[in-house]
Amino acid sequence: MTLDILLGISLGVGLSAACGFRVFVPLLASALAAHLGWLAPAHGFEWMGSQAALIAFGSATVLELAAYYIPWLDNALDTVATPLAVAAGILASASVITDLPPFVKWTLAVIAGGGIAALVQGGTVAVRLKSSVLTGGLGNSVIATLELFASVLLSSLTLFLPALGFLLTIVVVLPFVLLYRTFFRRKSPRDKNGEDHASES
């Protein structure tokens, strides 16, 4: 595996994780980096550096950030943000992975990019729901700020220091794996049987 392939995978994984925190921040960062010549998008994604992409991603970022500071609207937004985060993770990964056959590239983009974005987004949903219950939604603005900071930091490190961004992604994703298992896993048949026996007794 060549250095360019490893670099592309590291970029894709880091940007995808950042999409889990904020959907459009990593896409805006990638578009800006491509526009300034700091990032060379993969073939077919040259449009990422266009002025139209900057305007589109910039406008979407502003709207997304504003919405997350409106109490209870942020929870409603999660229903839309989750599939968008998956799509953004796939797009972010595919736009930077080079020197791979199309089938391998898109398989990596879907599994690694979309999967990591979904995992992180699912964790943020769990945290926000917990905050809404405990604080009546008042604490969600703090969480929104931390998520924004995480997305900006992870996007920046990934674009300028891909190896460090990749390592940070691993550190960030591990807690969300635990959160996902805690809040979203379905009860096992053994748990259900235990409840059934308890109700019968």
N, C-alpha and C. Protein backbone atom coordinates (compact mmCIF):
# COMPACT_ATOMS: atom_id res chain seq x y z
N MET A 1 0.85 -1.20 0.00
CA MET A 1 0.00 0.00 0.00
C MET A 1 0.89 1.25 0.00
N THR A 2 0.69 2.11 -0.98
CA THR A 2 1.55 3.28 -1.13
C THR A 2 1.22 4.35 -0.10
N LEU A 3 2.15 5.31 0.01
CA LEU A 3 1.97 6.40 0.96
C LEU A 3 0.75 7.24 0.62
N ASP A 4 0.49 7.45 -0.68
CA ASP A 4 -0.67 8.24 -1.10
C ASP A 4 -1.98 7.58 -0.68
N ILE A 5 -2.02 6.26 -0.77
CA ILE A 5 -3.24 5.54 -0.37
C ILE A 5 -3.45 5.66 1.14
N LEU A 6 -2.37 5.46 1.90
CA LEU A 6 -2.47 5.59 3.35
C LEU A 6 -2.87 7.00 3.75
N LEU A 7 -2.31 7.98 3.07
CA LEU A 7 -2.65 9.38 3.36
C LEU A 7 -4.12 9.64 3.07
N GLY A 8 -4.61 9.11 1.95
CA GLY A 8 -6.01 9.31 1.60
C GLY A 8 -6.96 8.66 2.59
N ILE A 9 -6.60 7.46 3.03
CA ILE A 9 -7.44 6.76 4.02
C ILE A 9 -7.44 7.51 5.35
N SER A 10 -6.27 8.00 5.77
CA SER A 10 -6.18 8.77 7.01
C SER A 10 -7.03 10.04 6.92
N LEU A 11 -6.93 10.73 5.79
CA LEU A 11 -7.75 11.93 5.58
C LEU A 11 -9.23 11.59 5.62
N GLY A 12 -9.60 10.51 4.93
CA GLY A 12 -11.01 10.13 4.86
C GLY A 12 -11.58 9.76 6.21
N VAL A 13 -10.83 9.00 6.99
CA VAL A 13 -11.30 8.57 8.31
C VAL A 13 -11.46 9.77 9.24
N GLY A 14 -10.45 10.64 9.26
CA GLY A 14 -10.51 11.82 10.13
C GLY A 14 -11.65 12.76 9.79
N LEU A 15 -11.82 13.04 8.50
CA LEU A 15 -12.89 13.94 8.07
C LEU A 15 -14.26 13.32 8.33
N SER A 16 -14.37 12.01 8.16
CA SER A 16 -15.65 11.33 8.40
C SER A 16 -16.05 11.42 9.87
N ALA A 17 -15.08 11.22 10.75
CA ALA A 17 -15.37 11.35 12.18
C ALA A 17 -15.81 12.76 12.51
N ALA A 18 -15.18 13.75 11.89
CA ALA A 18 -15.56 15.15 12.11
C ALA A 18 -16.98 15.41 11.62
N CYS A 19 -17.40 14.72 10.55
CA CYS A 19 -18.77 14.85 10.06
C CYS A 19 -19.79 14.35 11.08
N GLY A 20 -19.36 13.44 11.94
CA GLY A 20 -20.26 12.96 12.99
C GLY A 20 -20.57 14.02 14.02
N PHE A 21 -19.66 14.97 14.21
CA PHE A 21 -19.90 16.07 15.14
C PHE A 21 -20.69 17.19 14.48
N ARG A 22 -20.29 17.59 13.30
CA ARG A 22 -21.01 18.59 12.51
C ARG A 22 -20.92 18.18 11.05
N VAL A 23 -22.05 18.08 10.41
CA VAL A 23 -22.10 17.52 9.06
C VAL A 23 -21.29 18.33 8.06
N PHE A 24 -21.45 19.66 8.08
CA PHE A 24 -20.91 20.47 7.00
C PHE A 24 -19.56 21.13 7.30
N VAL A 25 -19.15 21.16 8.56
CA VAL A 25 -17.86 21.80 8.89
C VAL A 25 -16.70 21.12 8.16
N PRO A 26 -16.58 19.78 8.20
CA PRO A 26 -15.46 19.14 7.49
C PRO A 26 -15.53 19.34 5.97
N LEU A 27 -16.75 19.34 5.43
CA LEU A 27 -16.89 19.56 3.99
C LEU A 27 -16.48 20.97 3.62
N LEU A 28 -16.83 21.95 4.45
CA LEU A 28 -16.41 23.33 4.21
C LEU A 28 -14.89 23.45 4.33
N ALA A 29 -14.31 22.79 5.34
CA ALA A 29 -12.86 22.83 5.52
C ALA A 29 -12.15 22.19 4.32
N SER A 30 -12.67 21.08 3.82
CA SER A 30 -12.08 20.42 2.65
C SER A 30 -12.19 21.29 1.41
N ALA A 31 -13.36 21.91 1.24
CA ALA A 31 -13.57 22.79 0.08
C ALA A 31 -12.63 23.98 0.13
N LEU A 32 -12.45 24.56 1.32
CA LEU A 32 -11.54 25.70 1.47
C LEU A 32 -10.10 25.29 1.20
N ALA A 33 -9.70 24.12 1.73
CA ALA A 33 -8.34 23.64 1.50
C ALA A 33 -8.09 23.36 0.02
N ALA A 34 -9.09 22.78 -0.66
CA ALA A 34 -8.96 22.51 -2.09
C ALA A 34 -8.91 23.82 -2.89
N HIS A 35 -9.73 24.79 -2.49
CA HIS A 35 -9.78 26.08 -3.19
C HIS A 35 -8.45 26.81 -3.08
N LEU A 36 -7.78 26.69 -1.92
CA LEU A 36 -6.50 27.37 -1.70
C LEU A 36 -5.31 26.57 -2.20
N GLY A 37 -5.57 25.36 -2.69
CA GLY A 37 -4.50 24.54 -3.22
C GLY A 37 -3.76 23.72 -2.18
N TRP A 38 -4.30 23.65 -0.97
CA TRP A 38 -3.66 22.86 0.09
C TRP A 38 -4.04 21.39 0.01
N LEU A 39 -5.11 21.09 -0.69
CA LEU A 39 -5.61 19.72 -0.79
C LEU A 39 -5.94 19.42 -2.24
N ALA A 40 -5.47 18.29 -2.72
CA ALA A 40 -5.77 17.86 -4.08
C ALA A 40 -6.87 16.81 -4.03
N PRO A 41 -8.10 17.17 -4.39
CA PRO A 41 -9.20 16.20 -4.33
C PRO A 41 -8.98 15.05 -5.30
N ALA A 42 -9.60 13.94 -5.03
CA ALA A 42 -9.52 12.78 -5.92
C ALA A 42 -10.17 13.11 -7.27
N HIS A 43 -9.84 12.31 -8.26
CA HIS A 43 -10.39 12.52 -9.59
C HIS A 43 -11.92 12.45 -9.55
N GLY A 44 -12.56 13.42 -10.15
CA GLY A 44 -14.01 13.49 -10.15
C GLY A 44 -14.56 14.38 -9.06
N PHE A 45 -13.69 14.80 -8.14
CA PHE A 45 -14.12 15.66 -7.03
C PHE A 45 -13.43 17.02 -7.09
N GLU A 46 -12.96 17.40 -8.25
CA GLU A 46 -12.30 18.71 -8.40
C GLU A 46 -13.25 19.85 -8.07
N TRP A 47 -14.55 19.60 -8.21
CA TRP A 47 -15.55 20.63 -7.93
C TRP A 47 -15.54 21.05 -6.45
N MET A 48 -14.93 20.23 -5.59
CA MET A 48 -14.87 20.56 -4.17
C MET A 48 -14.17 21.90 -3.92
N GLY A 49 -13.25 22.26 -4.82
CA GLY A 49 -12.51 23.50 -4.64
C GLY A 49 -13.12 24.69 -5.34
N SER A 50 -14.32 24.52 -5.90
CA SER A 50 -14.95 25.60 -6.63
C SER A 50 -15.59 26.62 -5.70
N GLN A 51 -15.82 27.80 -6.25
CA GLN A 51 -16.46 28.85 -5.45
C GLN A 51 -17.89 28.47 -5.10
N ALA A 52 -18.55 27.77 -6.00
CA ALA A 52 -19.93 27.34 -5.74
C ALA A 52 -19.98 26.38 -4.56
N ALA A 53 -19.00 25.47 -4.47
CA ALA A 53 -18.95 24.53 -3.34
C ALA A 53 -18.71 25.28 -2.04
N LEU A 54 -17.83 26.27 -2.08
CA LEU A 54 -17.56 27.07 -0.87
C LEU A 54 -18.83 27.77 -0.39
N ILE A 55 -19.57 28.35 -1.30
CA ILE A 55 -20.80 29.07 -0.94
C ILE A 55 -21.84 28.09 -0.39
N ALA A 56 -21.99 26.95 -1.06
CA ALA A 56 -22.99 25.96 -0.63
C ALA A 56 -22.66 25.39 0.74
N PHE A 57 -21.42 24.94 0.92
CA PHE A 57 -21.03 24.36 2.21
C PHE A 57 -20.99 25.41 3.31
N GLY A 58 -20.59 26.64 2.95
CA GLY A 58 -20.56 27.72 3.94
C GLY A 58 -21.95 28.07 4.45
N SER A 59 -22.90 28.18 3.52
CA SER A 59 -24.28 28.49 3.91
C SER A 59 -24.88 27.38 4.75
N ALA A 60 -24.64 26.13 4.34
CA ALA A 60 -25.17 24.99 5.09
C ALA A 60 -24.56 24.92 6.49
N THR A 61 -23.28 25.27 6.61
CA THR A 61 -22.61 25.25 7.91
C THR A 61 -23.22 26.27 8.85
N VAL A 62 -23.46 27.48 8.36
CA VAL A 62 -24.06 28.54 9.19
C VAL A 62 -25.44 28.12 9.69
N LEU A 63 -26.26 27.58 8.79
CA LEU A 63 -27.60 27.15 9.18
C LEU A 63 -27.55 26.01 10.20
N GLU A 64 -26.63 25.06 9.99
CA GLU A 64 -26.52 23.94 10.92
C GLU A 64 -26.08 24.40 12.30
N LEU A 65 -25.09 25.28 12.34
CA LEU A 65 -24.59 25.76 13.63
C LEU A 65 -25.65 26.53 14.38
N ALA A 66 -26.40 27.37 13.68
CA ALA A 66 -27.45 28.17 14.32
C ALA A 66 -28.55 27.27 14.89
N ALA A 67 -28.93 26.24 14.13
CA ALA A 67 -30.02 25.37 14.55
C ALA A 67 -29.70 24.63 15.84
N TYR A 68 -28.44 24.29 16.05
CA TYR A 68 -28.08 23.53 17.24
C TYR A 68 -28.06 24.36 18.51
N TYR A 69 -28.27 25.66 18.39
CA TYR A 69 -28.34 26.51 19.58
C TYR A 69 -29.78 26.88 19.93
N ILE A 70 -30.73 26.27 19.24
CA ILE A 70 -32.14 26.48 19.55
C ILE A 70 -32.64 25.28 20.36
N PRO A 71 -33.04 25.48 21.62
CA PRO A 71 -33.46 24.35 22.48
C PRO A 71 -34.55 23.51 21.83
N TRP A 72 -34.40 22.21 21.96
CA TRP A 72 -35.30 21.18 21.46
C TRP A 72 -35.27 21.04 19.93
N LEU A 73 -34.99 22.12 19.21
CA LEU A 73 -34.83 21.98 17.76
C LEU A 73 -33.60 21.12 17.46
N ASP A 74 -32.60 21.21 18.34
CA ASP A 74 -31.40 20.41 18.12
C ASP A 74 -31.70 18.92 18.17
N ASN A 75 -32.59 18.50 19.07
CA ASN A 75 -32.96 17.08 19.12
C ASN A 75 -33.72 16.66 17.87
N ALA A 76 -34.62 17.54 17.40
CA ALA A 76 -35.37 17.24 16.18
C ALA A 76 -34.43 17.19 14.97
N LEU A 77 -33.42 18.04 14.99
CA LEU A 77 -32.47 18.09 13.88
C LEU A 77 -31.66 16.80 13.78
N ASP A 78 -31.48 16.11 14.89
CA ASP A 78 -30.70 14.88 14.88
C ASP A 78 -31.31 13.82 13.97
N THR A 79 -32.63 13.83 13.81
CA THR A 79 -33.27 12.84 12.94
C THR A 79 -32.86 13.03 11.49
N VAL A 80 -32.57 14.29 11.12
CA VAL A 80 -32.12 14.59 9.76
C VAL A 80 -30.61 14.53 9.68
N ALA A 81 -29.94 14.97 10.76
CA ALA A 81 -28.48 15.06 10.75
C ALA A 81 -27.81 13.69 10.66
N THR A 82 -28.45 12.67 11.22
CA THR A 82 -27.82 11.34 11.23
C THR A 82 -27.62 10.79 9.82
N PRO A 83 -28.66 10.73 8.97
CA PRO A 83 -28.40 10.25 7.59
C PRO A 83 -27.52 11.21 6.80
N LEU A 84 -27.62 12.52 7.09
CA LEU A 84 -26.76 13.48 6.41
C LEU A 84 -25.30 13.28 6.80
N ALA A 85 -25.05 12.96 8.07
CA ALA A 85 -23.69 12.71 8.53
C ALA A 85 -23.09 11.50 7.82
N VAL A 86 -23.89 10.46 7.64
CA VAL A 86 -23.42 9.27 6.93
C VAL A 86 -23.06 9.63 5.49
N ALA A 87 -23.95 10.36 4.82
CA ALA A 87 -23.69 10.77 3.44
C ALA A 87 -22.46 11.67 3.35
N ALA A 88 -22.32 12.59 4.32
CA ALA A 88 -21.17 13.48 4.33
C ALA A 88 -19.88 12.71 4.58
N GLY A 89 -19.94 11.71 5.47
CA GLY A 89 -18.76 10.89 5.72
C GLY A 89 -18.32 10.13 4.48
N ILE A 90 -19.28 9.61 3.74
CA ILE A 90 -18.97 8.90 2.49
C ILE A 90 -18.36 9.86 1.48
N LEU A 91 -18.97 11.05 1.34
CA LEU A 91 -18.47 12.05 0.40
C LEU A 91 -17.08 12.53 0.78
N ALA A 92 -16.88 12.83 2.07
CA ALA A 92 -15.58 13.31 2.52
C ALA A 92 -14.48 12.28 2.27
N SER A 93 -14.80 11.01 2.52
CA SER A 93 -13.81 9.95 2.30
C SER A 93 -13.50 9.76 0.82
N ALA A 94 -14.55 9.66 0.02
CA ALA A 94 -14.36 9.42 -1.41
C ALA A 94 -13.60 10.56 -2.09
N SER A 95 -13.75 11.76 -1.57
CA SER A 95 -13.12 12.92 -2.21
C SER A 95 -11.62 13.00 -1.99
N VAL A 96 -11.09 12.23 -1.01
CA VAL A 96 -9.66 12.32 -0.72
C VAL A 96 -8.92 11.00 -0.91
N ILE A 97 -9.64 9.89 -1.08
CA ILE A 97 -8.98 8.60 -1.30
C ILE A 97 -8.63 8.47 -2.77
N THR A 98 -7.33 8.28 -3.05
CA THR A 98 -6.85 8.19 -4.43
C THR A 98 -6.11 6.88 -4.66
N ASP A 99 -5.80 6.64 -5.93
CA ASP A 99 -4.96 5.49 -6.33
C ASP A 99 -5.54 4.14 -5.95
N LEU A 100 -6.86 4.06 -5.91
CA LEU A 100 -7.51 2.78 -5.64
C LEU A 100 -8.58 2.53 -6.71
N PRO A 101 -8.84 1.27 -7.04
CA PRO A 101 -9.93 0.98 -7.98
C PRO A 101 -11.25 1.52 -7.44
N PRO A 102 -12.14 1.94 -8.32
CA PRO A 102 -13.41 2.54 -7.88
C PRO A 102 -14.19 1.68 -6.88
N PHE A 103 -14.25 0.36 -7.11
CA PHE A 103 -15.01 -0.50 -6.21
C PHE A 103 -14.41 -0.49 -4.81
N VAL A 104 -13.08 -0.61 -4.71
CA VAL A 104 -12.41 -0.60 -3.41
C VAL A 104 -12.57 0.75 -2.74
N LYS A 105 -12.42 1.79 -3.53
CA LYS A 105 -12.52 3.14 -3.00
C LYS A 105 -13.90 3.41 -2.40
N TRP A 106 -14.95 3.08 -3.13
CA TRP A 106 -16.30 3.36 -2.63
C TRP A 106 -16.70 2.41 -1.51
N THR A 107 -16.15 1.21 -1.52
CA THR A 107 -16.40 0.29 -0.40
C THR A 107 -15.79 0.85 0.88
N LEU A 108 -14.56 1.36 0.79
CA LEU A 108 -13.92 1.99 1.94
C LEU A 108 -14.69 3.23 2.38
N ALA A 109 -15.14 4.02 1.40
CA ALA A 109 -15.86 5.25 1.72
C ALA A 109 -17.16 4.95 2.46
N VAL A 110 -17.86 3.92 2.02
CA VAL A 110 -19.14 3.59 2.64
C VAL A 110 -18.94 2.97 4.02
N ILE A 111 -18.04 1.98 4.10
CA ILE A 111 -17.86 1.26 5.37
C ILE A 111 -17.11 2.12 6.39
N ALA A 112 -15.95 2.63 6.00
CA ALA A 112 -15.14 3.41 6.94
C ALA A 112 -15.70 4.82 7.12
N GLY A 113 -15.90 5.51 6.00
CA GLY A 113 -16.39 6.89 6.08
C GLY A 113 -17.79 6.99 6.66
N GLY A 114 -18.74 6.32 6.02
CA GLY A 114 -20.11 6.38 6.50
C GLY A 114 -20.28 5.75 7.87
N GLY A 115 -19.56 4.64 8.11
CA GLY A 115 -19.69 3.94 9.39
C GLY A 115 -19.18 4.76 10.56
N ILE A 116 -18.01 5.38 10.40
CA ILE A 116 -17.45 6.18 11.49
C ILE A 116 -18.30 7.42 11.75
N ALA A 117 -18.77 8.06 10.67
CA ALA A 117 -19.63 9.24 10.84
C ALA A 117 -20.91 8.86 11.59
N ALA A 118 -21.49 7.71 11.24
CA ALA A 118 -22.72 7.26 11.92
C ALA A 118 -22.46 6.95 13.39
N LEU A 119 -21.32 6.35 13.67
CA LEU A 119 -20.98 5.99 15.04
C LEU A 119 -20.83 7.23 15.92
N VAL A 120 -20.08 8.21 15.42
CA VAL A 120 -19.88 9.44 16.19
C VAL A 120 -21.19 10.21 16.33
N GLN A 121 -21.96 10.31 15.25
CA GLN A 121 -23.23 11.00 15.30
C GLN A 121 -24.18 10.33 16.28
N GLY A 122 -24.20 8.99 16.29
CA GLY A 122 -25.05 8.28 17.24
C GLY A 122 -24.67 8.57 18.67
N GLY A 123 -23.38 8.70 18.93
CA GLY A 123 -22.93 9.05 20.27
C GLY A 123 -23.35 10.44 20.69
N THR A 124 -23.27 11.40 19.76
CA THR A 124 -23.68 12.77 20.09
C THR A 124 -25.18 12.85 20.35
N VAL A 125 -25.94 12.05 19.62
CA VAL A 125 -27.39 12.00 19.85
C VAL A 125 -27.68 11.52 21.26
N ALA A 126 -26.97 10.47 21.68
CA ALA A 126 -27.17 9.92 23.03
C ALA A 126 -26.83 10.95 24.09
N VAL A 127 -25.73 11.65 23.91
CA VAL A 127 -25.32 12.68 24.87
C VAL A 127 -26.34 13.81 24.92
N ARG A 128 -26.83 14.22 23.76
CA ARG A 128 -27.78 15.33 23.72
C ARG A 128 -29.12 14.95 24.35
N LEU A 129 -29.56 13.73 24.11
CA LEU A 129 -30.81 13.27 24.73
C LEU A 129 -30.69 13.24 26.25
N LYS A 130 -29.54 12.76 26.73
CA LYS A 130 -29.30 12.72 28.17
C LYS A 130 -29.29 14.13 28.75
N SER A 131 -28.65 15.06 28.03
CA SER A 131 -28.60 16.44 28.49
C SER A 131 -29.99 17.07 28.51
N SER A 132 -30.80 16.74 27.51
CA SER A 132 -32.16 17.29 27.46
C SER A 132 -32.98 16.83 28.65
N VAL A 133 -32.80 15.58 29.05
CA VAL A 133 -33.54 15.05 30.19
C VAL A 133 -33.07 15.69 31.49
N LEU A 134 -31.76 15.81 31.65
CA LEU A 134 -31.19 16.30 32.91
C LEU A 134 -31.29 17.80 33.07
N THR A 135 -31.21 18.55 31.96
CA THR A 135 -31.17 20.02 32.05
C THR A 135 -32.35 20.70 31.38
N GLY A 136 -33.29 19.90 30.87
CA GLY A 136 -34.42 20.50 30.16
C GLY A 136 -34.01 21.18 28.86
N GLY A 137 -32.89 20.77 28.31
CA GLY A 137 -32.41 21.34 27.06
C GLY A 137 -31.49 22.53 27.23
N LEU A 138 -31.37 23.05 28.46
CA LEU A 138 -30.55 24.24 28.68
C LEU A 138 -29.05 23.95 28.54
N GLY A 139 -28.67 22.72 28.84
CA GLY A 139 -27.25 22.36 28.74
C GLY A 139 -26.81 21.99 27.34
N ASN A 140 -27.76 21.92 26.41
CA ASN A 140 -27.42 21.49 25.06
C ASN A 140 -26.54 22.47 24.31
N SER A 141 -26.63 23.76 24.67
CA SER A 141 -25.79 24.75 23.99
C SER A 141 -24.31 24.51 24.31
N VAL A 142 -24.03 24.06 25.52
CA VAL A 142 -22.65 23.72 25.89
C VAL A 142 -22.16 22.54 25.06
N ILE A 143 -23.03 21.53 24.93
CA ILE A 143 -22.68 20.36 24.15
C ILE A 143 -22.49 20.74 22.68
N ALA A 144 -23.35 21.63 22.18
CA ALA A 144 -23.24 22.08 20.79
C ALA A 144 -21.89 22.76 20.55
N THR A 145 -21.45 23.55 21.51
CA THR A 145 -20.17 24.25 21.39
C THR A 145 -19.01 23.25 21.40
N LEU A 146 -19.08 22.26 22.28
CA LEU A 146 -18.03 21.24 22.34
C LEU A 146 -17.99 20.42 21.05
N GLU A 147 -19.16 20.11 20.50
CA GLU A 147 -19.21 19.36 19.24
C GLU A 147 -18.60 20.18 18.10
N LEU A 148 -18.91 21.47 18.08
CA LEU A 148 -18.34 22.35 17.05
C LEU A 148 -16.82 22.40 17.17
N PHE A 149 -16.34 22.56 18.40
CA PHE A 149 -14.90 22.60 18.64
C PHE A 149 -14.25 21.30 18.18
N ALA A 150 -14.87 20.17 18.51
CA ALA A 150 -14.32 18.87 18.12
C ALA A 150 -14.27 18.71 16.61
N SER A 151 -15.32 19.17 15.93
CA SER A 151 -15.37 19.05 14.47
C SER A 151 -14.30 19.93 13.82
N VAL A 152 -14.15 21.16 14.30
CA VAL A 152 -13.15 22.07 13.73
C VAL A 152 -11.74 21.55 14.00
N LEU A 153 -11.49 21.11 15.25
CA LEU A 153 -10.17 20.61 15.60
C LEU A 153 -9.81 19.36 14.80
N LEU A 154 -10.74 18.43 14.72
CA LEU A 154 -10.47 17.18 14.02
C LEU A 154 -10.29 17.42 12.52
N SER A 155 -11.10 18.31 11.95
CA SER A 155 -10.96 18.63 10.53
C SER A 155 -9.61 19.28 10.24
N SER A 156 -9.22 20.23 11.09
CA SER A 156 -7.96 20.96 10.89
C SER A 156 -6.76 20.03 11.02
N LEU A 157 -6.74 19.23 12.09
CA LEU A 157 -5.62 18.31 12.28
C LEU A 157 -5.52 17.30 11.14
N THR A 158 -6.68 16.81 10.71
CA THR A 158 -6.69 15.81 9.64
C THR A 158 -6.14 16.38 8.34
N LEU A 159 -6.50 17.62 8.02
CA LEU A 159 -6.06 18.23 6.77
C LEU A 159 -4.59 18.63 6.80
N PHE A 160 -4.11 19.08 7.94
CA PHE A 160 -2.74 19.58 8.01
C PHE A 160 -1.75 18.56 8.60
N LEU A 161 -2.23 17.69 9.50
CA LEU A 161 -1.40 16.65 10.10
C LEU A 161 -2.18 15.34 10.07
N PRO A 162 -2.29 14.71 8.90
CA PRO A 162 -3.16 13.54 8.75
C PRO A 162 -2.88 12.41 9.73
N ALA A 163 -1.62 12.13 10.02
CA ALA A 163 -1.30 11.04 10.94
C ALA A 163 -1.81 11.35 12.34
N LEU A 164 -1.61 12.59 12.80
CA LEU A 164 -2.10 12.99 14.11
C LEU A 164 -3.62 13.01 14.14
N GLY A 165 -4.22 13.47 13.05
CA GLY A 165 -5.68 13.47 12.96
C GLY A 165 -6.25 12.06 13.01
N PHE A 166 -5.56 11.11 12.38
CA PHE A 166 -6.00 9.71 12.40
C PHE A 166 -5.94 9.15 13.82
N LEU A 167 -4.83 9.43 14.52
CA LEU A 167 -4.70 8.96 15.91
C LEU A 167 -5.76 9.59 16.80
N LEU A 168 -6.01 10.88 16.62
CA LEU A 168 -7.04 11.54 17.41
C LEU A 168 -8.41 10.96 17.12
N THR A 169 -8.64 10.59 15.88
CA THR A 169 -9.92 9.96 15.51
C THR A 169 -10.14 8.67 16.29
N ILE A 170 -9.08 7.87 16.40
CA ILE A 170 -9.20 6.62 17.16
C ILE A 170 -9.55 6.90 18.61
N VAL A 171 -8.86 7.91 19.20
CA VAL A 171 -9.11 8.28 20.60
C VAL A 171 -10.54 8.76 20.76
N VAL A 172 -11.04 9.52 19.78
CA VAL A 172 -12.39 10.09 19.86
C VAL A 172 -13.45 9.01 19.67
N VAL A 173 -13.22 8.10 18.74
CA VAL A 173 -14.25 7.13 18.36
C VAL A 173 -14.48 6.09 19.47
N LEU A 174 -13.44 5.70 20.18
CA LEU A 174 -13.57 4.65 21.20
C LEU A 174 -14.65 4.96 22.24
N PRO A 175 -14.69 6.18 22.83
CA PRO A 175 -15.77 6.48 23.78
C PRO A 175 -17.16 6.41 23.14
N PHE A 176 -17.24 6.76 21.86
CA PHE A 176 -18.55 6.72 21.20
C PHE A 176 -18.99 5.29 20.93
N VAL A 177 -18.03 4.38 20.80
CA VAL A 177 -18.39 2.96 20.69
C VAL A 177 -19.09 2.51 21.97
N LEU A 178 -18.53 2.94 23.11
CA LEU A 178 -19.14 2.60 24.39
C LEU A 178 -20.50 3.25 24.55
N LEU A 179 -20.62 4.52 24.15
CA LEU A 179 -21.91 5.22 24.23
C LEU A 179 -22.95 4.53 23.35
N TYR A 180 -22.53 4.15 22.16
CA TYR A 180 -23.45 3.50 21.23
C TYR A 180 -23.97 2.19 21.82
N ARG A 181 -23.05 1.43 22.41
CA ARG A 181 -23.46 0.15 22.99
C ARG A 181 -24.38 0.37 24.19
N THR A 182 -24.14 1.44 24.94
CA THR A 182 -24.93 1.69 26.13
C THR A 182 -26.33 2.16 25.81
N PHE A 183 -26.46 3.08 24.86
CA PHE A 183 -27.75 3.74 24.61
C PHE A 183 -28.54 3.15 23.46
N PHE A 184 -27.89 2.46 22.52
CA PHE A 184 -28.60 2.08 21.31
C PHE A 184 -28.69 0.58 21.05
N ARG A 185 -27.92 -0.21 21.77
CA ARG A 185 -27.99 -1.64 21.49
C ARG A 185 -29.34 -2.19 21.94
N ARG A 186 -29.85 -3.13 21.21
CA ARG A 186 -31.12 -3.76 21.56
C ARG A 186 -30.89 -4.78 22.66
N LYS A 187 -31.92 -5.01 23.41
CA LYS A 187 -31.79 -5.99 24.48
C LYS A 187 -31.64 -7.38 23.87
N SER A 188 -30.78 -8.13 24.49
CA SER A 188 -30.54 -9.49 24.00
C SER A 188 -31.72 -10.38 24.35
N PRO A 189 -31.89 -11.51 23.63
CA PRO A 189 -32.97 -12.45 23.97
C PRO A 189 -32.89 -12.90 25.42
N ARG A 190 -31.67 -13.02 25.95
CA ARG A 190 -31.53 -13.44 27.34
C ARG A 190 -32.14 -12.41 28.28
N ASP A 191 -31.91 -11.09 27.98
CA ASP A 191 -32.51 -10.04 28.80
C ASP A 191 -34.03 -10.09 28.72
N LYS A 192 -34.54 -10.31 27.51
CA LYS A 192 -35.99 -10.33 27.35
C LYS A 192 -36.60 -11.52 28.09
N ASN A 193 -35.91 -12.66 28.01
CA ASN A 193 -36.42 -13.83 28.72
C ASN A 193 -36.43 -13.60 30.20
N GLY A 194 -35.39 -12.90 30.70
CA GLY A 194 -35.34 -12.60 32.11
C GLY A 194 -36.50 -11.74 32.53
N GLU A 195 -36.85 -10.75 31.69
CA GLU A 195 -37.99 -9.89 32.00
C GLU A 195 -39.29 -10.68 31.95
N ASP A 196 -39.40 -11.62 30.98
CA ASP A 196 -40.63 -12.41 30.87
C ASP A 196 -40.80 -13.28 32.12
N HIS A 197 -39.71 -13.89 32.58
CA HIS A 197 -39.80 -14.73 33.78
C HIS A 197 -40.18 -13.91 35.00
N ALA A 198 -39.63 -12.68 35.05
CA ALA A 198 -39.93 -11.82 36.18
C ALA A 198 -41.39 -11.44 36.20
N SER A 199 -41.96 -11.17 35.00
CA SER A 199 -43.37 -10.77 34.94
C SER A 199 -44.27 -11.94 35.28
N GLU A 200 -43.85 -13.17 34.87
CA GLU A 200 -44.67 -14.34 35.17
C GLU A 200 -44.70 -14.64 36.66
N SER A 201 -43.56 -14.41 37.33
CA SER A 201 -43.52 -14.68 38.77
C SER A 201 -44.24 -13.61 39.55
